[in-house]
Amino acid sequence: MRFDPATLVYDGRGLIPAIAQDHRSGEVLMLAWMNAEAVARTLETGRVTYWSRSRRAFWVKGESSGHVQRLVEMRLDCDRDCLLVLVEQAGPACHTNRRSCFYTGIRDGAETELMTPEA
């Protein structure tokens, strides 16, 4: 059966959350949003493409930074309302120049920086 992005469950803005995970290490890198066209473009090109809510435009990860995400596999959750995008990440995934956007932990009730920006 051929996959159709229209069969996914999108929110009221036509978006679905997409969690990017390193396909080798399993590290969660970031969360961003896709619409049906971004899903289709990602599957067609192998370059992970998101929908930027602030710019209201497509955002090909790494297009300006060089920190490209190459699609290895896309997975759907059981409710079809969230995506897991397994990627090969070149460079940091976060716009703060960190490997992951999840660089702050809460330990003993305090925020703790878990990783510093890459050089």
PDB file of N, CA and C in Angstrom:
ATOM      1  N   MET A   1       0.855  -1.177   0.000  1.00  0.00           N
ATOM      2  CA  MET A   1       0.000   0.000   0.000  1.00  0.00           C
ATOM      3  C   MET A   1       0.901   1.241   0.000  1.00  0.00           C
ATOM      4  N   ARG A   2       0.661   2.142  -0.896  1.00  0.00           N
ATOM      5  CA  ARG A   2       1.429   3.380  -1.035  1.00  0.00           C
ATOM      6  C   ARG A   2       1.026   4.365   0.069  1.00  0.00           C
ATOM      7  N   PHE A   3       2.015   5.014   0.683  1.00  0.00           N
ATOM      8  CA  PHE A   3       1.749   5.989   1.743  1.00  0.00           C
ATOM      9  C   PHE A   3       1.288   7.318   1.156  1.00  0.00           C
ATOM     10  N   ASP A   4       0.278   7.903   1.786  1.00  0.00           N
ATOM     11  CA  ASP A   4      -0.249   9.203   1.387  1.00  0.00           C
ATOM     12  C   ASP A   4      -0.202  10.134   2.596  1.00  0.00           C
ATOM     13  N   PRO A   5       0.593  11.239   2.521  1.00  0.00           N
ATOM     14  CA  PRO A   5       0.676  12.168   3.653  1.00  0.00           C
ATOM     15  C   PRO A   5      -0.681  12.708   4.106  1.00  0.00           C
ATOM     16  N   ALA A   6      -1.665  12.708   3.242  1.00  0.00           N
ATOM     17  CA  ALA A   6      -2.996  13.206   3.601  1.00  0.00           C
ATOM     18  C   ALA A   6      -3.679  12.301   4.622  1.00  0.00           C
ATOM     19  N   THR A   7      -3.188  11.078   4.804  1.00  0.00           N
ATOM     20  CA  THR A   7      -3.794  10.161   5.770  1.00  0.00           C
ATOM     21  C   THR A   7      -3.336  10.414   7.208  1.00  0.00           C
ATOM     22  N   LEU A   8      -2.395  11.328   7.392  1.00  0.00           N
ATOM     23  CA  LEU A   8      -1.941  11.669   8.733  1.00  0.00           C
ATOM     24  C   LEU A   8      -2.961  12.586   9.415  1.00  0.00           C
ATOM     25  N   VAL A   9      -2.891  12.676  10.726  1.00  0.00           N
ATOM     26  CA  VAL A   9      -3.798  13.532  11.492  1.00  0.00           C
ATOM     27  C   VAL A   9      -3.038  14.812  11.834  1.00  0.00           C
ATOM     28  N   TYR A  10      -3.470  15.908  11.235  1.00  0.00           N
ATOM     29  CA  TYR A  10      -2.847  17.214  11.432  1.00  0.00           C
ATOM     30  C   TYR A  10      -3.684  18.036  12.408  1.00  0.00           C
ATOM     31  N   ASP A  11      -3.043  19.023  13.045  1.00  0.00           N
ATOM     32  CA  ASP A  11      -3.778  19.894  13.957  1.00  0.00           C
ATOM     33  C   ASP A  11      -4.588  20.918  13.165  1.00  0.00           C
ATOM     34  N   GLY A  12      -5.219  21.839  13.857  1.00  0.00           N
ATOM     35  CA  GLY A  12      -6.067  22.842  13.216  1.00  0.00           C
ATOM     36  C   GLY A  12      -5.333  23.757  12.252  1.00  0.00           C
ATOM     37  N   ARG A  13      -4.009  23.830  12.374  1.00  0.00           N
ATOM     38  CA  ARG A  13      -3.193  24.651  11.471  1.00  0.00           C
ATOM     39  C   ARG A  13      -2.622  23.830  10.316  1.00  0.00           C
ATOM     40  N   GLY A  14      -3.002  22.544  10.272  1.00  0.00           N
ATOM     41  CA  GLY A  14      -2.506  21.669   9.219  1.00  0.00           C
ATOM     42  C   GLY A  14      -1.102  21.151   9.479  1.00  0.00           C
ATOM     43  N   LEU A  15      -0.711  21.095  10.767  1.00  0.00           N
ATOM     44  CA  LEU A  15       0.647  20.693  11.126  1.00  0.00           C
ATOM     45  C   LEU A  15       0.656  19.423  11.976  1.00  0.00           C
ATOM     46  N   ILE A  16       1.781  18.729  11.907  1.00  0.00           N
ATOM     47  CA  ILE A  16       1.997  17.526  12.696  1.00  0.00           C
ATOM     48  C   ILE A  16       3.394  17.629  13.319  1.00  0.00           C
ATOM     49  N   PRO A  17       3.547  17.286  14.610  1.00  0.00           N
ATOM     50  CA  PRO A  17       4.889  17.335  15.208  1.00  0.00           C
ATOM     51  C   PRO A  17       5.770  16.233  14.629  1.00  0.00           C
ATOM     52  N   ALA A  18       7.045  16.576  14.447  1.00  0.00           N
ATOM     53  CA  ALA A  18       8.027  15.619  13.931  1.00  0.00           C
ATOM     54  C   ALA A  18       9.241  15.641  14.853  1.00  0.00           C
ATOM     55  N   ILE A  19       9.521  14.515  15.462  1.00  0.00           N
ATOM     56  CA  ILE A  19      10.670  14.382  16.345  1.00  0.00           C
ATOM     57  C   ILE A  19      11.826  13.839  15.524  1.00  0.00           C
ATOM     58  N   ALA A  20      12.948  14.558  15.517  1.00  0.00           N
ATOM     59  CA  ALA A  20      14.139  14.103  14.809  1.00  0.00           C
ATOM     60  C   ALA A  20      15.038  13.364  15.783  1.00  0.00           C
ATOM     61  N   GLN A  21      15.440  12.160  15.395  1.00  0.00           N
ATOM     62  CA  GLN A  21      16.268  11.305  16.239  1.00  0.00           C
ATOM     63  C   GLN A  21      17.445  10.793  15.415  1.00  0.00           C
ATOM     64  N   ASP A  22      18.637  10.794  16.003  1.00  0.00           N
ATOM     65  CA  ASP A  22      19.812  10.254  15.321  1.00  0.00           C
ATOM     66  C   ASP A  22      19.608   8.756  15.115  1.00  0.00           C
ATOM     67  N   HIS A  23      19.725   8.301  13.895  1.00  0.00           N
ATOM     68  CA  HIS A  23      19.414   6.900  13.591  1.00  0.00           C
ATOM     69  C   HIS A  23      20.438   5.935  14.175  1.00  0.00           C
ATOM     70  N   ARG A  24      21.643   6.395  14.444  1.00  0.00           N
ATOM     71  CA  ARG A  24      22.672   5.510  15.008  1.00  0.00           C
ATOM     72  C   ARG A  24      22.629   5.475  16.536  1.00  0.00           C
ATOM     73  N   SER A  25      22.661   6.643  17.153  1.00  0.00           N
ATOM     74  CA  SER A  25      22.781   6.706  18.617  1.00  0.00           C
ATOM     75  C   SER A  25      21.434   6.656  19.333  1.00  0.00           C
ATOM     76  N   GLY A  26      20.355   7.002  18.625  1.00  0.00           N
ATOM     77  CA  GLY A  26      19.042   7.075  19.257  1.00  0.00           C
ATOM     78  C   GLY A  26      18.796   8.390  19.977  1.00  0.00           C
ATOM     79  N   GLU A  27      19.780   9.287  19.949  1.00  0.00           N
ATOM     80  CA  GLU A  27      19.646  10.587  20.622  1.00  0.00           C
ATOM     81  C   GLU A  27      18.532  11.411  19.975  1.00  0.00           C
ATOM     82  N   VAL A  28      17.658  11.975  20.815  1.00  0.00           N
ATOM     83  CA  VAL A  28      16.617  12.877  20.319  1.00  0.00           C
ATOM     84  C   VAL A  28      17.272  14.223  20.044  1.00  0.00           C
ATOM     85  N   LEU A  29      17.142  14.708  18.827  1.00  0.00           N
ATOM     86  CA  LEU A  29      17.829  15.922  18.412  1.00  0.00           C
ATOM     87  C   LEU A  29      16.955  17.165  18.497  1.00  0.00           C
ATOM     88  N   MET A  30      15.721  17.062  18.069  1.00  0.00           N
ATOM     89  CA  MET A  30      14.862  18.248  18.027  1.00  0.00           C
ATOM     90  C   MET A  30      13.425  17.842  17.755  1.00  0.00           C
ATOM     91  N   LEU A  31      12.543  18.803  17.920  1.00  0.00           N
ATOM     92  CA  LEU A  31      11.147  18.663  17.531  1.00  0.00           C
ATOM     93  C   LEU A  31      10.812  19.854  16.659  1.00  0.00           C
ATOM     94  N   ALA A  32      10.170  19.588  15.542  1.00  0.00           N
ATOM     95  CA  ALA A  32       9.728  20.659  14.652  1.00  0.00           C
ATOM     96  C   ALA A  32       8.379  20.238  14.078  1.00  0.00           C
ATOM     97  N   TRP A  33       7.884  21.008  13.143  1.00  0.00           N
ATOM     98  CA  TRP A  33       6.543  20.776  12.590  1.00  0.00           C
ATOM     99  C   TRP A  33       6.616  20.549  11.095  1.00  0.00           C
ATOM    100  N   MET A  34       5.713  19.725  10.598  1.00  0.00           N
ATOM    101  CA  MET A  34       5.579  19.482   9.164  1.00  0.00           C
ATOM    102  C   MET A  34       4.120  19.638   8.775  1.00  0.00           C
ATOM    103  N   ASN A  35       3.906  20.035   7.544  1.00  0.00           N
ATOM    104  CA  ASN A  35       2.570  19.929   6.959  1.00  0.00           C
ATOM    105  C   ASN A  35       2.647  18.820   5.913  1.00  0.00           C
ATOM    106  N   ALA A  36       1.551  18.536   5.245  1.00  0.00           N
ATOM    107  CA  ALA A  36       1.530  17.421   4.288  1.00  0.00           C
ATOM    108  C   ALA A  36       2.568  17.604   3.187  1.00  0.00           C
ATOM    109  N   GLU A  37       2.757  18.821   2.726  1.00  0.00           N
ATOM    110  CA  GLU A  37       3.730  19.078   1.674  1.00  0.00           C
ATOM    111  C   GLU A  37       5.155  18.863   2.168  1.00  0.00           C
ATOM    112  N   ALA A  38       5.458  19.254   3.399  1.00  0.00           N
ATOM    113  CA  ALA A  38       6.790  19.030   3.972  1.00  0.00           C
ATOM    114  C   ALA A  38       7.071  17.531   4.108  1.00  0.00           C
ATOM    115  N   VAL A  39       6.059  16.767   4.508  1.00  0.00           N
ATOM    116  CA  VAL A  39       6.206  15.310   4.589  1.00  0.00           C
ATOM    117  C   VAL A  39       6.526  14.756   3.208  1.00  0.00           C
ATOM    118  N   ALA A  40       5.754  15.171   2.213  1.00  0.00           N
ATOM    119  CA  ALA A  40       5.960  14.683   0.846  1.00  0.00           C
ATOM    120  C   ALA A  40       7.348  15.066   0.329  1.00  0.00           C
ATOM    121  N   ARG A  41       7.766  16.302   0.551  1.00  0.00           N
ATOM    122  CA  ARG A  41       9.083  16.755   0.089  1.00  0.00           C
ATOM    123  C   ARG A  41      10.204  15.958   0.756  1.00  0.00           C
ATOM    124  N   THR A  42      10.052  15.712   2.051  1.00  0.00           N
ATOM    125  CA  THR A  42      11.054  14.941   2.784  1.00  0.00           C
ATOM    126  C   THR A  42      11.194  13.548   2.182  1.00  0.00           C
ATOM    127  N   LEU A  43      10.068  12.905   1.938  1.00  0.00           N
ATOM    128  CA  LEU A  43      10.097  11.557   1.380  1.00  0.00           C
ATOM    129  C   LEU A  43      10.640  11.537  -0.051  1.00  0.00           C
ATOM    130  N   GLU A  44      10.343  12.566  -0.816  1.00  0.00           N
ATOM    131  CA  GLU A  44      10.802  12.627  -2.210  1.00  0.00           C
ATOM    132  C   GLU A  44      12.293  12.916  -2.328  1.00  0.00           C
ATOM    133  N   THR A  45      12.802  13.822  -1.487  1.00  0.00           N
ATOM    134  CA  THR A  45      14.176  14.294  -1.644  1.00  0.00           C
ATOM    135  C   THR A  45      15.180  13.622  -0.717  1.00  0.00           C
ATOM    136  N   GLY A  46      14.705  13.084   0.412  1.00  0.00           N
ATOM    137  CA  GLY A  46      15.610  12.544   1.407  1.00  0.00           C
ATOM    138  C   GLY A  46      16.243  13.608   2.284  1.00  0.00           C
ATOM    139  N   ARG A  47      15.954  14.873   2.023  1.00  0.00           N
ATOM    140  CA  ARG A  47      16.389  16.002   2.858  1.00  0.00           C
ATOM    141  C   ARG A  47      15.203  16.377   3.735  1.00  0.00           C
ATOM    142  N   VAL A  48      15.415  16.382   5.052  1.00  0.00           N
ATOM    143  CA  VAL A  48      14.294  16.634   5.957  1.00  0.00           C
ATOM    144  C   VAL A  48      13.849  18.082   5.818  1.00  0.00           C
ATOM    145  N   THR A  49      12.561  18.235   5.547  1.00  0.00           N
ATOM    146  CA  THR A  49      11.958  19.542   5.314  1.00  0.00           C
ATOM    147  C   THR A  49      10.845  19.756   6.333  1.00  0.00           C
ATOM    148  N   TYR A  50      10.910  20.873   7.018  1.00  0.00           N
ATOM    149  CA  TYR A  50       9.914  21.228   8.022  1.00  0.00           C
ATOM    150  C   TYR A  50       9.113  22.427   7.540  1.00  0.00           C
ATOM    151  N   TRP A  51       8.071  22.754   8.306  1.00  0.00           N
ATOM    152  CA  TRP A  51       7.307  23.980   8.084  1.00  0.00           C
ATOM    153  C   TRP A  51       7.644  24.928   9.228  1.00  0.00           C
ATOM    154  N   SER A  52       8.205  26.078   8.915  1.00  0.00           N
ATOM    155  CA  SER A  52       8.538  27.069   9.927  1.00  0.00           C
ATOM    156  C   SER A  52       7.286  27.862  10.268  1.00  0.00           C
ATOM    157  N   ARG A  53       6.840  27.744  11.500  1.00  0.00           N
ATOM    158  CA  ARG A  53       5.635  28.467  11.922  1.00  0.00           C
ATOM    159  C   ARG A  53       5.885  29.962  11.981  1.00  0.00           C
ATOM    160  N   SER A  54       7.086  30.372  12.385  1.00  0.00           N
ATOM    161  CA  SER A  54       7.375  31.808  12.501  1.00  0.00           C
ATOM    162  C   SER A  54       7.546  32.466  11.133  1.00  0.00           C
ATOM    163  N   ARG A  55       8.195  31.773  10.205  1.00  0.00           N
ATOM    164  CA  ARG A  55       8.418  32.341   8.868  1.00  0.00           C
ATOM    165  C   ARG A  55       7.294  32.012   7.889  1.00  0.00           C
ATOM    166  N   ARG A  56       6.474  31.046   8.276  1.00  0.00           N
ATOM    167  CA  ARG A  56       5.401  30.567   7.398  1.00  0.00           C
ATOM    168  C   ARG A  56       5.950  30.172   6.033  1.00  0.00           C
ATOM    169  N   ALA A  57       6.977  29.320   6.104  1.00  0.00           N
ATOM    170  CA  ALA A  57       7.657  28.875   4.880  1.00  0.00           C
ATOM    171  C   ALA A  57       8.297  27.519   5.137  1.00  0.00           C
ATOM    172  N   PHE A  58       8.590  26.810   4.049  1.00  0.00           N
ATOM    173  CA  PHE A  58       9.300  25.550   4.175  1.00  0.00           C
ATOM    174  C   PHE A  58      10.722  25.814   4.642  1.00  0.00           C
ATOM    175  N   TRP A  59      11.255  24.889   5.407  1.00  0.00           N
ATOM    176  CA  TRP A  59      12.582  25.006   5.986  1.00  0.00           C
ATOM    177  C   TRP A  59      13.284  23.667   5.771  1.00  0.00           C
ATOM    178  N   VAL A  60      14.198  23.640   4.821  1.00  0.00           N
ATOM    179  CA  VAL A  60      14.996  22.445   4.585  1.00  0.00           C
ATOM    180  C   VAL A  60      16.142  22.484   5.588  1.00  0.00           C
ATOM    181  N   LYS A  61      16.150  21.547   6.520  1.00  0.00           N
ATOM    182  CA  LYS A  61      17.140  21.558   7.600  1.00  0.00           C
ATOM    183  C   LYS A  61      18.548  21.567   7.014  1.00  0.00           C
ATOM    184  N   GLY A  62      19.326  22.566   7.422  1.00  0.00           N
ATOM    185  CA  GLY A  62      20.706  22.697   6.985  1.00  0.00           C
ATOM    186  C   GLY A  62      20.911  23.502   5.727  1.00  0.00           C
ATOM    187  N   GLU A  63      19.834  24.001   5.147  1.00  0.00           N
ATOM    188  CA  GLU A  63      19.932  24.753   3.894  1.00  0.00           C
ATOM    189  C   GLU A  63      20.844  25.970   4.030  1.00  0.00           C
ATOM    190  N   SER A  64      20.756  26.668   5.153  1.00  0.00           N
ATOM    191  CA  SER A  64      21.622  27.839   5.334  1.00  0.00           C
ATOM    192  C   SER A  64      22.807  27.544   6.258  1.00  0.00           C
ATOM    193  N   SER A  65      22.644  26.640   7.224  1.00  0.00           N
ATOM    194  CA  SER A  65      23.709  26.363   8.201  1.00  0.00           C
ATOM    195  C   SER A  65      24.682  25.284   7.741  1.00  0.00           C
ATOM    196  N   GLY A  66      24.240  24.438   6.826  1.00  0.00           N
ATOM    197  CA  GLY A  66      25.053  23.295   6.429  1.00  0.00           C
ATOM    198  C   GLY A  66      24.871  22.093   7.346  1.00  0.00           C
ATOM    199  N   HIS A  67      24.049  22.232   8.390  1.00  0.00           N
ATOM    200  CA  HIS A  67      23.801  21.152   9.350  1.00  0.00           C
ATOM    201  C   HIS A  67      22.617  20.313   8.871  1.00  0.00           C
ATOM    202  N   VAL A  68      22.846  19.598   7.811  1.00  0.00           N
ATOM    203  CA  VAL A  68      21.821  18.870   7.063  1.00  0.00           C
ATOM    204  C   VAL A  68      21.322  17.644   7.824  1.00  0.00           C
ATOM    205  N   GLN A  69      20.042  17.370   7.664  1.00  0.00           N
ATOM    206  CA  GLN A  69      19.463  16.122   8.138  1.00  0.00           C
ATOM    207  C   GLN A  69      19.083  15.293   6.918  1.00  0.00           C
ATOM    208  N   ARG A  70      19.720  14.130   6.796  1.00  0.00           N
ATOM    209  CA  ARG A  70      19.376  13.203   5.720  1.00  0.00           C
ATOM    210  C   ARG A  70      18.420  12.164   6.288  1.00  0.00           C
ATOM    211  N   LEU A  71      17.304  11.981   5.621  1.00  0.00           N
ATOM    212  CA  LEU A  71      16.291  11.033   6.080  1.00  0.00           C
ATOM    213  C   LEU A  71      16.801   9.598   5.942  1.00  0.00           C
ATOM    214  N   VAL A  72      16.702   8.843   7.020  1.00  0.00           N
ATOM    215  CA  VAL A  72      16.993   7.418   6.992  1.00  0.00           C
ATOM    216  C   VAL A  72      15.676   6.645   6.977  1.00  0.00           C
ATOM    217  N   GLU A  73      14.753   7.066   7.841  1.00  0.00           N
ATOM    218  CA  GLU A  73      13.441   6.418   7.910  1.00  0.00           C
ATOM    219  C   GLU A  73      12.454   7.354   8.573  1.00  0.00           C
ATOM    220  N   MET A  74      11.207   7.323   8.123  1.00  0.00           N
ATOM    221  CA  MET A  74      10.131   8.075   8.761  1.00  0.00           C
ATOM    222  C   MET A  74       9.160   7.072   9.366  1.00  0.00           C
ATOM    223  N   ARG A  75       8.759   7.327  10.597  1.00  0.00           N
ATOM    224  CA  ARG A  75       7.811   6.449  11.282  1.00  0.00           C
ATOM    225  C   ARG A  75       6.614   7.255  11.764  1.00  0.00           C
ATOM    226  N   LEU A  76       5.474   6.583  11.866  1.00  0.00           N
ATOM    227  CA  LEU A  76       4.230   7.195  12.353  1.00  0.00           C
ATOM    228  C   LEU A  76       3.901   6.599  13.715  1.00  0.00           C
ATOM    229  N   ASP A  77       3.309   7.399  14.587  1.00  0.00           N
ATOM    230  CA  ASP A  77       2.844   6.817  15.845  1.00  0.00           C
ATOM    231  C   ASP A  77       1.496   6.135  15.617  1.00  0.00           C
ATOM    232  N   CYS A  78       1.010   5.457  16.645  1.00  0.00           N
ATOM    233  CA  CYS A  78      -0.204   4.645  16.517  1.00  0.00           C
ATOM    234  C   CYS A  78      -1.448   5.457  16.169  1.00  0.00           C
ATOM    235  N   ASP A  79      -1.485   6.722  16.545  1.00  0.00           N
ATOM    236  CA  ASP A  79      -2.639   7.578  16.244  1.00  0.00           C
ATOM    237  C   ASP A  79      -2.465   8.368  14.952  1.00  0.00           C
ATOM    238  N   ARG A  80      -1.311   8.227  14.319  1.00  0.00           N
ATOM    239  CA  ARG A  80      -0.982   8.918  13.068  1.00  0.00           C
ATOM    240  C   ARG A  80      -0.948  10.433  13.236  1.00  0.00           C
ATOM    241  N   ASP A  81      -0.690  10.907  14.492  1.00  0.00           N
ATOM    242  CA  ASP A  81      -0.666  12.352  14.732  1.00  0.00           C
ATOM    243  C   ASP A  81       0.699  12.863  15.200  1.00  0.00           C
ATOM    244  N   CYS A  82       1.730  12.040  15.022  1.00  0.00           N
ATOM    245  CA  CYS A  82       3.094  12.433  15.360  1.00  0.00           C
ATOM    246  C   CYS A  82       4.058  11.602  14.516  1.00  0.00           C
ATOM    247  N   LEU A  83       5.144  12.234  14.089  1.00  0.00           N
ATOM    248  CA  LEU A  83       6.140  11.550  13.273  1.00  0.00           C
ATOM    249  C   LEU A  83       7.454  11.414  14.038  1.00  0.00           C
ATOM    250  N   LEU A  84       8.144  10.330  13.771  1.00  0.00           N
ATOM    251  CA  LEU A  84       9.515  10.138  14.230  1.00  0.00           C
ATOM    252  C   LEU A  84      10.362  10.076  12.964  1.00  0.00           C
ATOM    253  N   VAL A  85      11.304  11.004  12.866  1.00  0.00           N
ATOM    254  CA  VAL A  85      12.146  11.094  11.681  1.00  0.00           C
ATOM    255  C   VAL A  85      13.546  10.656  12.092  1.00  0.00           C
ATOM    256  N   LEU A  86      13.942   9.488  11.649  1.00  0.00           N
ATOM    257  CA  LEU A  86      15.285   8.985  11.932  1.00  0.00           C
ATOM    258  C   LEU A  86      16.214   9.578  10.894  1.00  0.00           C
ATOM    259  N   VAL A  87      17.267  10.252  11.373  1.00  0.00           N
ATOM    260  CA  VAL A  87      18.103  11.043  10.472  1.00  0.00           C
ATOM    261  C   VAL A  87      19.582  10.754  10.666  1.00  0.00           C
ATOM    262  N   GLU A  88      20.325  11.101   9.640  1.00  0.00           N
ATOM    263  CA  GLU A  88      21.766  11.229   9.740  1.00  0.00           C
ATOM    264  C   GLU A  88      22.018  12.720   9.823  1.00  0.00           C
ATOM    265  N   GLN A  89      22.502  13.166  10.966  1.00  0.00           N
ATOM    266  CA  GLN A  89      22.676  14.591  11.240  1.00  0.00           C
ATOM    267  C   GLN A  89      24.112  15.009  10.967  1.00  0.00           C
ATOM    268  N   ALA A  90      24.299  16.038  10.145  1.00  0.00           N
ATOM    269  CA  ALA A  90      25.616  16.633   9.911  1.00  0.00           C
ATOM    270  C   ALA A  90      25.729  17.873  10.786  1.00  0.00           C
ATOM    271  N   GLY A  91      26.617  17.846  11.765  1.00  0.00           N
ATOM    272  CA  GLY A  91      26.787  18.991  12.652  1.00  0.00           C
ATOM    273  C   GLY A  91      25.687  19.065  13.681  1.00  0.00           C
ATOM    274  N   PRO A  92      25.615  20.197  14.395  1.00  0.00           N
ATOM    275  CA  PRO A  92      24.602  20.353  15.436  1.00  0.00           C
ATOM    276  C   PRO A  92      23.194  20.456  14.844  1.00  0.00           C
ATOM    277  N   ALA A  93      22.223  19.953  15.591  1.00  0.00           N
ATOM    278  CA  ALA A  93      20.829  20.030  15.149  1.00  0.00           C
ATOM    279  C   ALA A  93      20.153  21.312  15.620  1.00  0.00           C
ATOM    280  N   CYS A  94      20.621  21.860  16.739  1.00  0.00           N
ATOM    281  CA  CYS A  94      19.975  23.021  17.350  1.00  0.00           C
ATOM    282  C   CYS A  94      20.520  24.338  16.792  1.00  0.00           C
ATOM    283  N   HIS A  95      19.651  25.321  16.678  1.00  0.00           N
ATOM    284  CA  HIS A  95      20.084  26.643  16.197  1.00  0.00           C
ATOM    285  C   HIS A  95      21.039  27.327  17.176  1.00  0.00           C
ATOM    286  N   THR A  96      21.162  26.792  18.404  1.00  0.00           N
ATOM    287  CA  THR A  96      22.116  27.326  19.376  1.00  0.00           C
ATOM    288  C   THR A  96      23.504  26.718  19.192  1.00  0.00           C
ATOM    289  N   ASN A  97      23.656  25.921  18.152  1.00  0.00           N
ATOM    290  CA  ASN A  97      24.909  25.245  17.803  1.00  0.00           C
ATOM    291  C   ASN A  97      25.243  24.085  18.748  1.00  0.00           C
ATOM    292  N   ARG A  98      24.201  23.515  19.367  1.00  0.00           N
ATOM    293  CA  ARG A  98      24.359  22.326  20.200  1.00  0.00           C
ATOM    294  C   ARG A  98      23.891  21.105  19.411  1.00  0.00           C
ATOM    295  N   ARG A  99      24.398  19.947  19.770  1.00  0.00           N
ATOM    296  CA  ARG A  99      24.035  18.702  19.087  1.00  0.00           C
ATOM    297  C   ARG A  99      22.522  18.478  19.119  1.00  0.00           C
ATOM    298  N   SER A 100      21.886  18.785  20.250  1.00  0.00           N
ATOM    299  CA  SER A 100      20.459  18.553  20.441  1.00  0.00           C
ATOM    300  C   SER A 100      19.804  19.808  20.999  1.00  0.00           C
ATOM    301  N   CYS A 101      18.549  20.004  20.660  1.00  0.00           N
ATOM    302  CA  CYS A 101      17.787  21.111  21.246  1.00  0.00           C
ATOM    303  C   CYS A 101      17.451  20.833  22.710  1.00  0.00           C
ATOM    304  N   PHE A 102      17.575  19.590  23.128  1.00  0.00           N
ATOM    305  CA  PHE A 102      17.247  19.196  24.500  1.00  0.00           C
ATOM    306  C   PHE A 102      18.520  19.209  25.346  1.00  0.00           C
ATOM    307  N   TYR A 103      19.068  20.403  25.511  1.00  0.00           N
ATOM    308  CA  TYR A 103      20.338  20.556  26.230  1.00  0.00           C
ATOM    309  C   TYR A 103      20.167  21.073  27.653  1.00  0.00           C
ATOM    310  N   THR A 104      18.942  21.251  28.091  1.00  0.00           N
ATOM    311  CA  THR A 104      18.682  21.697  29.457  1.00  0.00           C
ATOM    312  C   THR A 104      17.945  20.599  30.210  1.00  0.00           C
ATOM    313  N   GLY A 105      18.503  20.203  31.346  1.00  0.00           N
ATOM    314  CA  GLY A 105      17.865  19.220  32.207  1.00  0.00           C
ATOM    315  C   GLY A 105      17.369  19.886  33.477  1.00  0.00           C
ATOM    316  N   ILE A 106      16.429  19.254  34.119  1.00  0.00           N
ATOM    317  CA  ILE A 106      15.956  19.741  35.418  1.00  0.00           C
ATOM    318  C   ILE A 106      16.405  18.711  36.439  1.00  0.00           C
ATOM    319  N   ARG A 107      17.343  19.123  37.271  1.00  0.00           N
ATOM    320  CA  ARG A 107      17.937  18.223  38.260  1.00  0.00           C
ATOM    321  C   ARG A 107      17.861  18.872  39.627  1.00  0.00           C
ATOM    322  N   ASP A 108      17.289  18.133  40.565  1.00  0.00           N
ATOM    323  CA  ASP A 108      17.100  18.650  41.927  1.00  0.00           C
ATOM    324  C   ASP A 108      16.372  19.991  41.917  1.00  0.00           C
ATOM    325  N   GLY A 109      15.392  20.121  41.009  1.00  0.00           N
ATOM    326  CA  GLY A 109      14.572  21.316  40.951  1.00  0.00           C
ATOM    327  C   GLY A 109      15.200  22.502  40.256  1.00  0.00           C
ATOM    328  N   ALA A 110      16.395  22.335  39.698  1.00  0.00           N
ATOM    329  CA  ALA A 110      17.074  23.446  39.036  1.00  0.00           C
ATOM    330  C   ALA A 110      17.385  23.092  37.586  1.00  0.00           C
ATOM    331  N   GLU A 111      17.371  24.113  36.738  1.00  0.00           N
ATOM    332  CA  GLU A 111      17.763  23.926  35.351  1.00  0.00           C
ATOM    333  C   GLU A 111      19.279  23.761  35.270  1.00  0.00           C
ATOM    334  N   THR A 112      19.697  22.766  34.489  1.00  0.00           N
ATOM    335  CA  THR A 112      21.112  22.459  34.351  1.00  0.00           C
ATOM    336  C   THR A 112      21.451  22.347  32.865  1.00  0.00           C
ATOM    337  N   GLU A 113      22.469  23.063  32.433  1.00  0.00           N
ATOM    338  CA  GLU A 113      22.916  22.973  31.046  1.00  0.00           C
ATOM    339  C   GLU A 113      23.701  21.672  30.875  1.00  0.00           C
ATOM    340  N   LEU A 114      23.212  20.800  29.989  1.00  0.00           N
ATOM    341  CA  LEU A 114      23.792  19.477  29.807  1.00  0.00           C
ATOM    342  C   LEU A 114      24.849  19.436  28.713  1.00  0.00           C
ATOM    343  N   MET A 115      24.818  20.391  27.803  1.00  0.00           N
ATOM    344  CA  MET A 115      25.829  20.436  26.747  1.00  0.00           C
ATOM    345  C   MET A 115      26.043  21.882  26.315  1.00  0.00           C
ATOM    346  N   THR A 116      27.256  22.182  25.959  1.00  0.00           N
ATOM    347  CA  THR A 116      27.610  23.534  25.517  1.00  0.00           C
ATOM    348  C   THR A 116      27.595  23.584  23.996  1.00  0.00           C
ATOM    349  N   PRO A 117      27.551  24.779  23.435  1.00  0.00           N
ATOM    350  CA  PRO A 117      27.591  24.887  21.970  1.00  0.00           C
ATOM    351  C   PRO A 117      28.892  24.309  21.413  1.00  0.00           C
ATOM    352  N   GLU A 118      28.777  23.748  20.213  1.00  0.00           N
ATOM    353  CA  GLU A 118      29.961  23.242  19.529  1.00  0.00           C
ATOM    354  C   GLU A 118      30.757  24.423  18.997  1.00  0.00           C
ATOM    355  N   ALA A 119      32.049  24.228  18.858  1.00  0.00           N
ATOM    356  CA  ALA A 119      32.927  25.323  18.385  1.00  0.00           C
ATOM    357  C   ALA A 119      32.639  25.694  16.957  1.00  0.00           C
TER     358      ALA A 119
END
